[in-house]
Amino acid sequence: MKNIIRITIFLLLSYSLSACYNQNRDCKRFTEGQFESVVTIDSVVYKSKFLRQGNLQIETFKGITDSASVRWINSCEYILTTLHPKNRSQEKPVHIKLLTTTDSSYTFEYNFVGESLKTIGIANKVD
């Protein structure tokens, strides 16, 4: 009987602690729209604006507008490939994964496909 009580208490504690760490991810609401993103790398803040519709994303970063194809892997991950790369680094596809979502923003991580270094940013939906 003591073992059943211990197991029950353990399961209840495990469930209550794991419930605190459940992250909200309603990614489908962010597949299209107009966004502003903020990424901090080595204490430098980078901001960009982009419009994502269907399989196309048009982004403005540091006054330069460029477009990329969007290929969704699942509802929370996609691959961006620059349509008109101007150098070798722009030829590399970027893997983006939405980590958490709110009603108007999402936290994401991204990296070049095949590279392990990941960077985290936040995108806010503006429309």
C-alpha atoms as a PDB file:
ATOM      1  CA  MET A   1       0.000   0.000   0.000  1.00  0.00           C
ATOM      2  CA  LYS A   2       2.860   2.396   0.821  1.00  0.00           C
ATOM      3  CA  ASN A   3       4.357   1.812  -2.606  1.00  0.00           C
ATOM      4  CA  ILE A   4       1.082   2.690  -4.335  1.00  0.00           C
ATOM      5  CA  ILE A   5       0.843   5.922  -2.344  1.00  0.00           C
ATOM      6  CA  ARG A   6       4.491   6.771  -3.138  1.00  0.00           C
ATOM      7  CA  ILE A   7       3.993   6.074  -6.838  1.00  0.00           C
ATOM      8  CA  THR A   8       0.805   8.156  -6.897  1.00  0.00           C
ATOM      9  CA  ILE A   9       2.528  11.077  -5.156  1.00  0.00           C
ATOM     10  CA  PHE A  10       5.511  10.787  -7.512  1.00  0.00           C
ATOM     11  CA  LEU A  11       3.261  10.804 -10.582  1.00  0.00           C
ATOM     12  CA  LEU A  12       1.280  13.799  -9.330  1.00  0.00           C
ATOM     13  CA  LEU A  13       4.463  15.759  -8.581  1.00  0.00           C
ATOM     14  CA  SER A  14       5.960  14.840 -11.957  1.00  0.00           C
ATOM     15  CA  TYR A  15       2.835  15.932 -13.774  1.00  0.00           C
ATOM     16  CA  SER A  16       2.531  19.213 -11.877  1.00  0.00           C
ATOM     17  CA  LEU A  17       6.194  20.094 -12.459  1.00  0.00           C
ATOM     18  CA  SER A  18       6.085  19.212 -16.144  1.00  0.00           C
ATOM     19  CA  ALA A  19       2.953  21.325 -16.625  1.00  0.00           C
ATOM     20  CA  CYS A  20       5.000  24.392 -15.674  1.00  0.00           C
ATOM     21  CA  TYR A  21       7.350  23.786 -18.578  1.00  0.00           C
ATOM     22  CA  ASN A  22       4.846  23.242 -21.382  1.00  0.00           C
ATOM     23  CA  GLN A  23       5.566  25.778 -24.081  1.00  0.00           C
ATOM     24  CA  ASN A  24       2.744  27.226 -26.135  1.00  0.00           C
ATOM     25  CA  ARG A  25       3.251  26.700 -29.884  1.00  0.00           C
ATOM     26  CA  ASP A  26       0.396  27.757 -32.148  1.00  0.00           C
ATOM     27  CA  CYS A  27       2.615  28.054 -35.213  1.00  0.00           C
ATOM     28  CA  LYS A  28      -0.057  27.996 -37.916  1.00  0.00           C
ATOM     29  CA  ARG A  29      -1.097  31.565 -37.128  1.00  0.00           C
ATOM     30  CA  PHE A  30       2.398  32.723 -38.155  1.00  0.00           C
ATOM     31  CA  THR A  31       2.745  31.020 -41.535  1.00  0.00           C
ATOM     32  CA  GLU A  32       1.691  34.220 -43.315  1.00  0.00           C
ATOM     33  CA  GLY A  33       1.663  37.897 -42.482  1.00  0.00           C
ATOM     34  CA  GLN A  34       3.821  40.937 -41.925  1.00  0.00           C
ATOM     35  CA  PHE A  35       6.471  40.722 -39.195  1.00  0.00           C
ATOM     36  CA  GLU A  36       9.289  42.593 -37.501  1.00  0.00           C
ATOM     37  CA  SER A  37      12.125  40.544 -36.043  1.00  0.00           C
ATOM     38  CA  VAL A  38      14.814  41.316 -33.504  1.00  0.00           C
ATOM     39  CA  VAL A  39      17.997  39.255 -33.135  1.00  0.00           C
ATOM     40  CA  THR A  40      20.902  40.059 -30.808  1.00  0.00           C
ATOM     41  CA  ILE A  41      24.354  38.774 -31.767  1.00  0.00           C
ATOM     42  CA  ASP A  42      27.403  39.707 -29.660  1.00  0.00           C
ATOM     43  CA  SER A  43      25.453  42.529 -27.963  1.00  0.00           C
ATOM     44  CA  VAL A  44      24.462  44.011 -31.352  1.00  0.00           C
ATOM     45  CA  VAL A  45      20.725  44.237 -32.057  1.00  0.00           C
ATOM     46  CA  TYR A  46      19.628  43.499 -35.626  1.00  0.00           C
ATOM     47  CA  LYS A  47      16.107  44.375 -36.795  1.00  0.00           C
ATOM     48  CA  SER A  48      14.346  43.431 -39.994  1.00  0.00           C
ATOM     49  CA  LYS A  49      10.873  43.566 -41.483  1.00  0.00           C
ATOM     50  CA  PHE A  50       9.411  40.866 -43.659  1.00  0.00           C
ATOM     51  CA  LEU A  51       6.244  39.780 -45.400  1.00  0.00           C
ATOM     52  CA  ARG A  52       5.583  36.059 -45.729  1.00  0.00           C
ATOM     53  CA  GLN A  53       2.869  34.816 -48.105  1.00  0.00           C
ATOM     54  CA  GLY A  54       2.591  31.283 -49.417  1.00  0.00           C
ATOM     55  CA  ASN A  55       6.043  30.085 -50.408  1.00  0.00           C
ATOM     56  CA  LEU A  56       7.582  33.583 -50.632  1.00  0.00           C
ATOM     57  CA  GLN A  57       9.185  35.840 -48.031  1.00  0.00           C
ATOM     58  CA  ILE A  58      10.239  39.409 -48.814  1.00  0.00           C
ATOM     59  CA  GLU A  59      12.567  40.891 -46.193  1.00  0.00           C
ATOM     60  CA  THR A  60      14.078  44.325 -45.660  1.00  0.00           C
ATOM     61  CA  PHE A  61      17.279  44.375 -43.610  1.00  0.00           C
ATOM     62  CA  LYS A  62      19.562  47.417 -43.316  1.00  0.00           C
ATOM     63  CA  GLY A  63      17.669  49.112 -46.153  1.00  0.00           C
ATOM     64  CA  ILE A  64      18.149  46.194 -48.560  1.00  0.00           C
ATOM     65  CA  THR A  65      15.122  44.215 -49.730  1.00  0.00           C
ATOM     66  CA  ASP A  66      15.531  40.601 -50.787  1.00  0.00           C
ATOM     67  CA  SER A  67      13.244  37.661 -51.405  1.00  0.00           C
ATOM     68  CA  ALA A  68      13.438  34.004 -50.449  1.00  0.00           C
ATOM     69  CA  SER A  69      11.445  30.865 -51.049  1.00  0.00           C
ATOM     70  CA  VAL A  70       9.768  29.297 -48.015  1.00  0.00           C
ATOM     71  CA  ARG A  71       9.495  25.520 -47.682  1.00  0.00           C
ATOM     72  CA  TRP A  72       7.626  24.369 -44.586  1.00  0.00           C
ATOM     73  CA  ILE A  73       8.989  21.161 -43.039  1.00  0.00           C
ATOM     74  CA  ASN A  74       6.143  21.013 -40.527  1.00  0.00           C
ATOM     75  CA  SER A  75       3.847  23.589 -38.918  1.00  0.00           C
ATOM     76  CA  CYS A  76       6.701  25.032 -36.798  1.00  0.00           C
ATOM     77  CA  GLU A  77       9.804  24.678 -39.007  1.00  0.00           C
ATOM     78  CA  TYR A  78      10.733  25.968 -42.435  1.00  0.00           C
ATOM     79  CA  ILE A  79      13.666  26.460 -44.792  1.00  0.00           C
ATOM     80  CA  LEU A  80      14.418  29.855 -46.372  1.00  0.00           C
ATOM     81  CA  THR A  81      16.397  29.920 -49.612  1.00  0.00           C
ATOM     82  CA  THR A  82      17.430  33.268 -51.095  1.00  0.00           C
ATOM     83  CA  LEU A  83      16.039  33.609 -54.632  1.00  0.00           C
ATOM     84  CA  HIS A  84      18.741  35.924 -55.994  1.00  0.00           C
ATOM     85  CA  PRO A  85      21.930  35.321 -53.982  1.00  0.00           C
ATOM     86  CA  LYS A  86      24.699  37.844 -54.491  1.00  0.00           C
ATOM     87  CA  ASN A  87      27.443  35.824 -52.790  1.00  0.00           C
ATOM     88  CA  ARG A  88      28.206  32.319 -51.482  1.00  0.00           C
ATOM     89  CA  SER A  89      26.879  32.961 -47.975  1.00  0.00           C
ATOM     90  CA  GLN A  90      23.484  33.978 -49.378  1.00  0.00           C
ATOM     91  CA  GLU A  91      23.320  30.684 -51.276  1.00  0.00           C
ATOM     92  CA  LYS A  92      23.102  28.711 -48.023  1.00  0.00           C
ATOM     93  CA  PRO A  93      19.540  27.851 -46.978  1.00  0.00           C
ATOM     94  CA  VAL A  94      18.471  28.865 -43.470  1.00  0.00           C
ATOM     95  CA  HIS A  95      16.552  26.537 -41.157  1.00  0.00           C
ATOM     96  CA  ILE A  96      14.080  28.354 -38.875  1.00  0.00           C
ATOM     97  CA  LYS A  97      12.222  26.738 -35.987  1.00  0.00           C
ATOM     98  CA  LEU A  98       9.476  28.454 -34.004  1.00  0.00           C
ATOM     99  CA  LEU A  99      10.113  27.617 -30.345  1.00  0.00           C
ATOM    100  CA  THR A 100       7.278  29.401 -28.548  1.00  0.00           C
ATOM    101  CA  THR A 101       4.351  31.585 -29.588  1.00  0.00           C
ATOM    102  CA  THR A 102       2.112  34.195 -28.028  1.00  0.00           C
ATOM    103  CA  ASP A 103      -0.962  35.840 -29.510  1.00  0.00           C
ATOM    104  CA  SER A 104       1.162  38.289 -31.542  1.00  0.00           C
ATOM    105  CA  SER A 105       4.766  37.036 -31.554  1.00  0.00           C
ATOM    106  CA  TYR A 106       7.018  34.015 -31.657  1.00  0.00           C
ATOM    107  CA  THR A 107      10.483  33.121 -30.458  1.00  0.00           C
ATOM    108  CA  PHE A 108      12.565  31.305 -33.039  1.00  0.00           C
ATOM    109  CA  GLU A 109      15.974  29.778 -33.545  1.00  0.00           C
ATOM    110  CA  TYR A 110      17.770  29.674 -36.848  1.00  0.00           C
ATOM    111  CA  ASN A 111      20.944  28.359 -38.403  1.00  0.00           C
ATOM    112  CA  PHE A 112      22.427  27.759 -41.816  1.00  0.00           C
ATOM    113  CA  VAL A 113      21.509  24.264 -43.009  1.00  0.00           C
ATOM    114  CA  GLY A 114      24.359  21.911 -42.131  1.00  0.00           C
ATOM    115  CA  GLU A 115      25.825  24.154 -39.425  1.00  0.00           C
ATOM    116  CA  SER A 116      25.319  23.649 -35.706  1.00  0.00           C
ATOM    117  CA  LEU A 117      25.562  27.277 -34.479  1.00  0.00           C
ATOM    118  CA  LYS A 118      22.025  28.467 -33.701  1.00  0.00           C
ATOM    119  CA  THR A 119      20.823  31.979 -32.982  1.00  0.00           C
ATOM    120  CA  ILE A 120      17.599  32.943 -31.220  1.00  0.00           C
ATOM    121  CA  GLY A 121      15.331  35.865 -32.090  1.00  0.00           C
ATOM    122  CA  ILE A 122      11.820  37.205 -31.643  1.00  0.00           C
ATOM    123  CA  ALA A 123       9.355  38.093 -34.404  1.00  0.00           C
ATOM    124  CA  ASN A 124       6.278  40.245 -33.819  1.00  0.00           C
ATOM    125  CA  LYS A 125       3.299  40.087 -36.141  1.00  0.00           C
ATOM    126  CA  VAL A 126       2.397  43.633 -37.203  1.00  0.00           C
ATOM    127  CA  ASP A 127      -0.762  43.125 -39.255  1.00  0.00           C
END
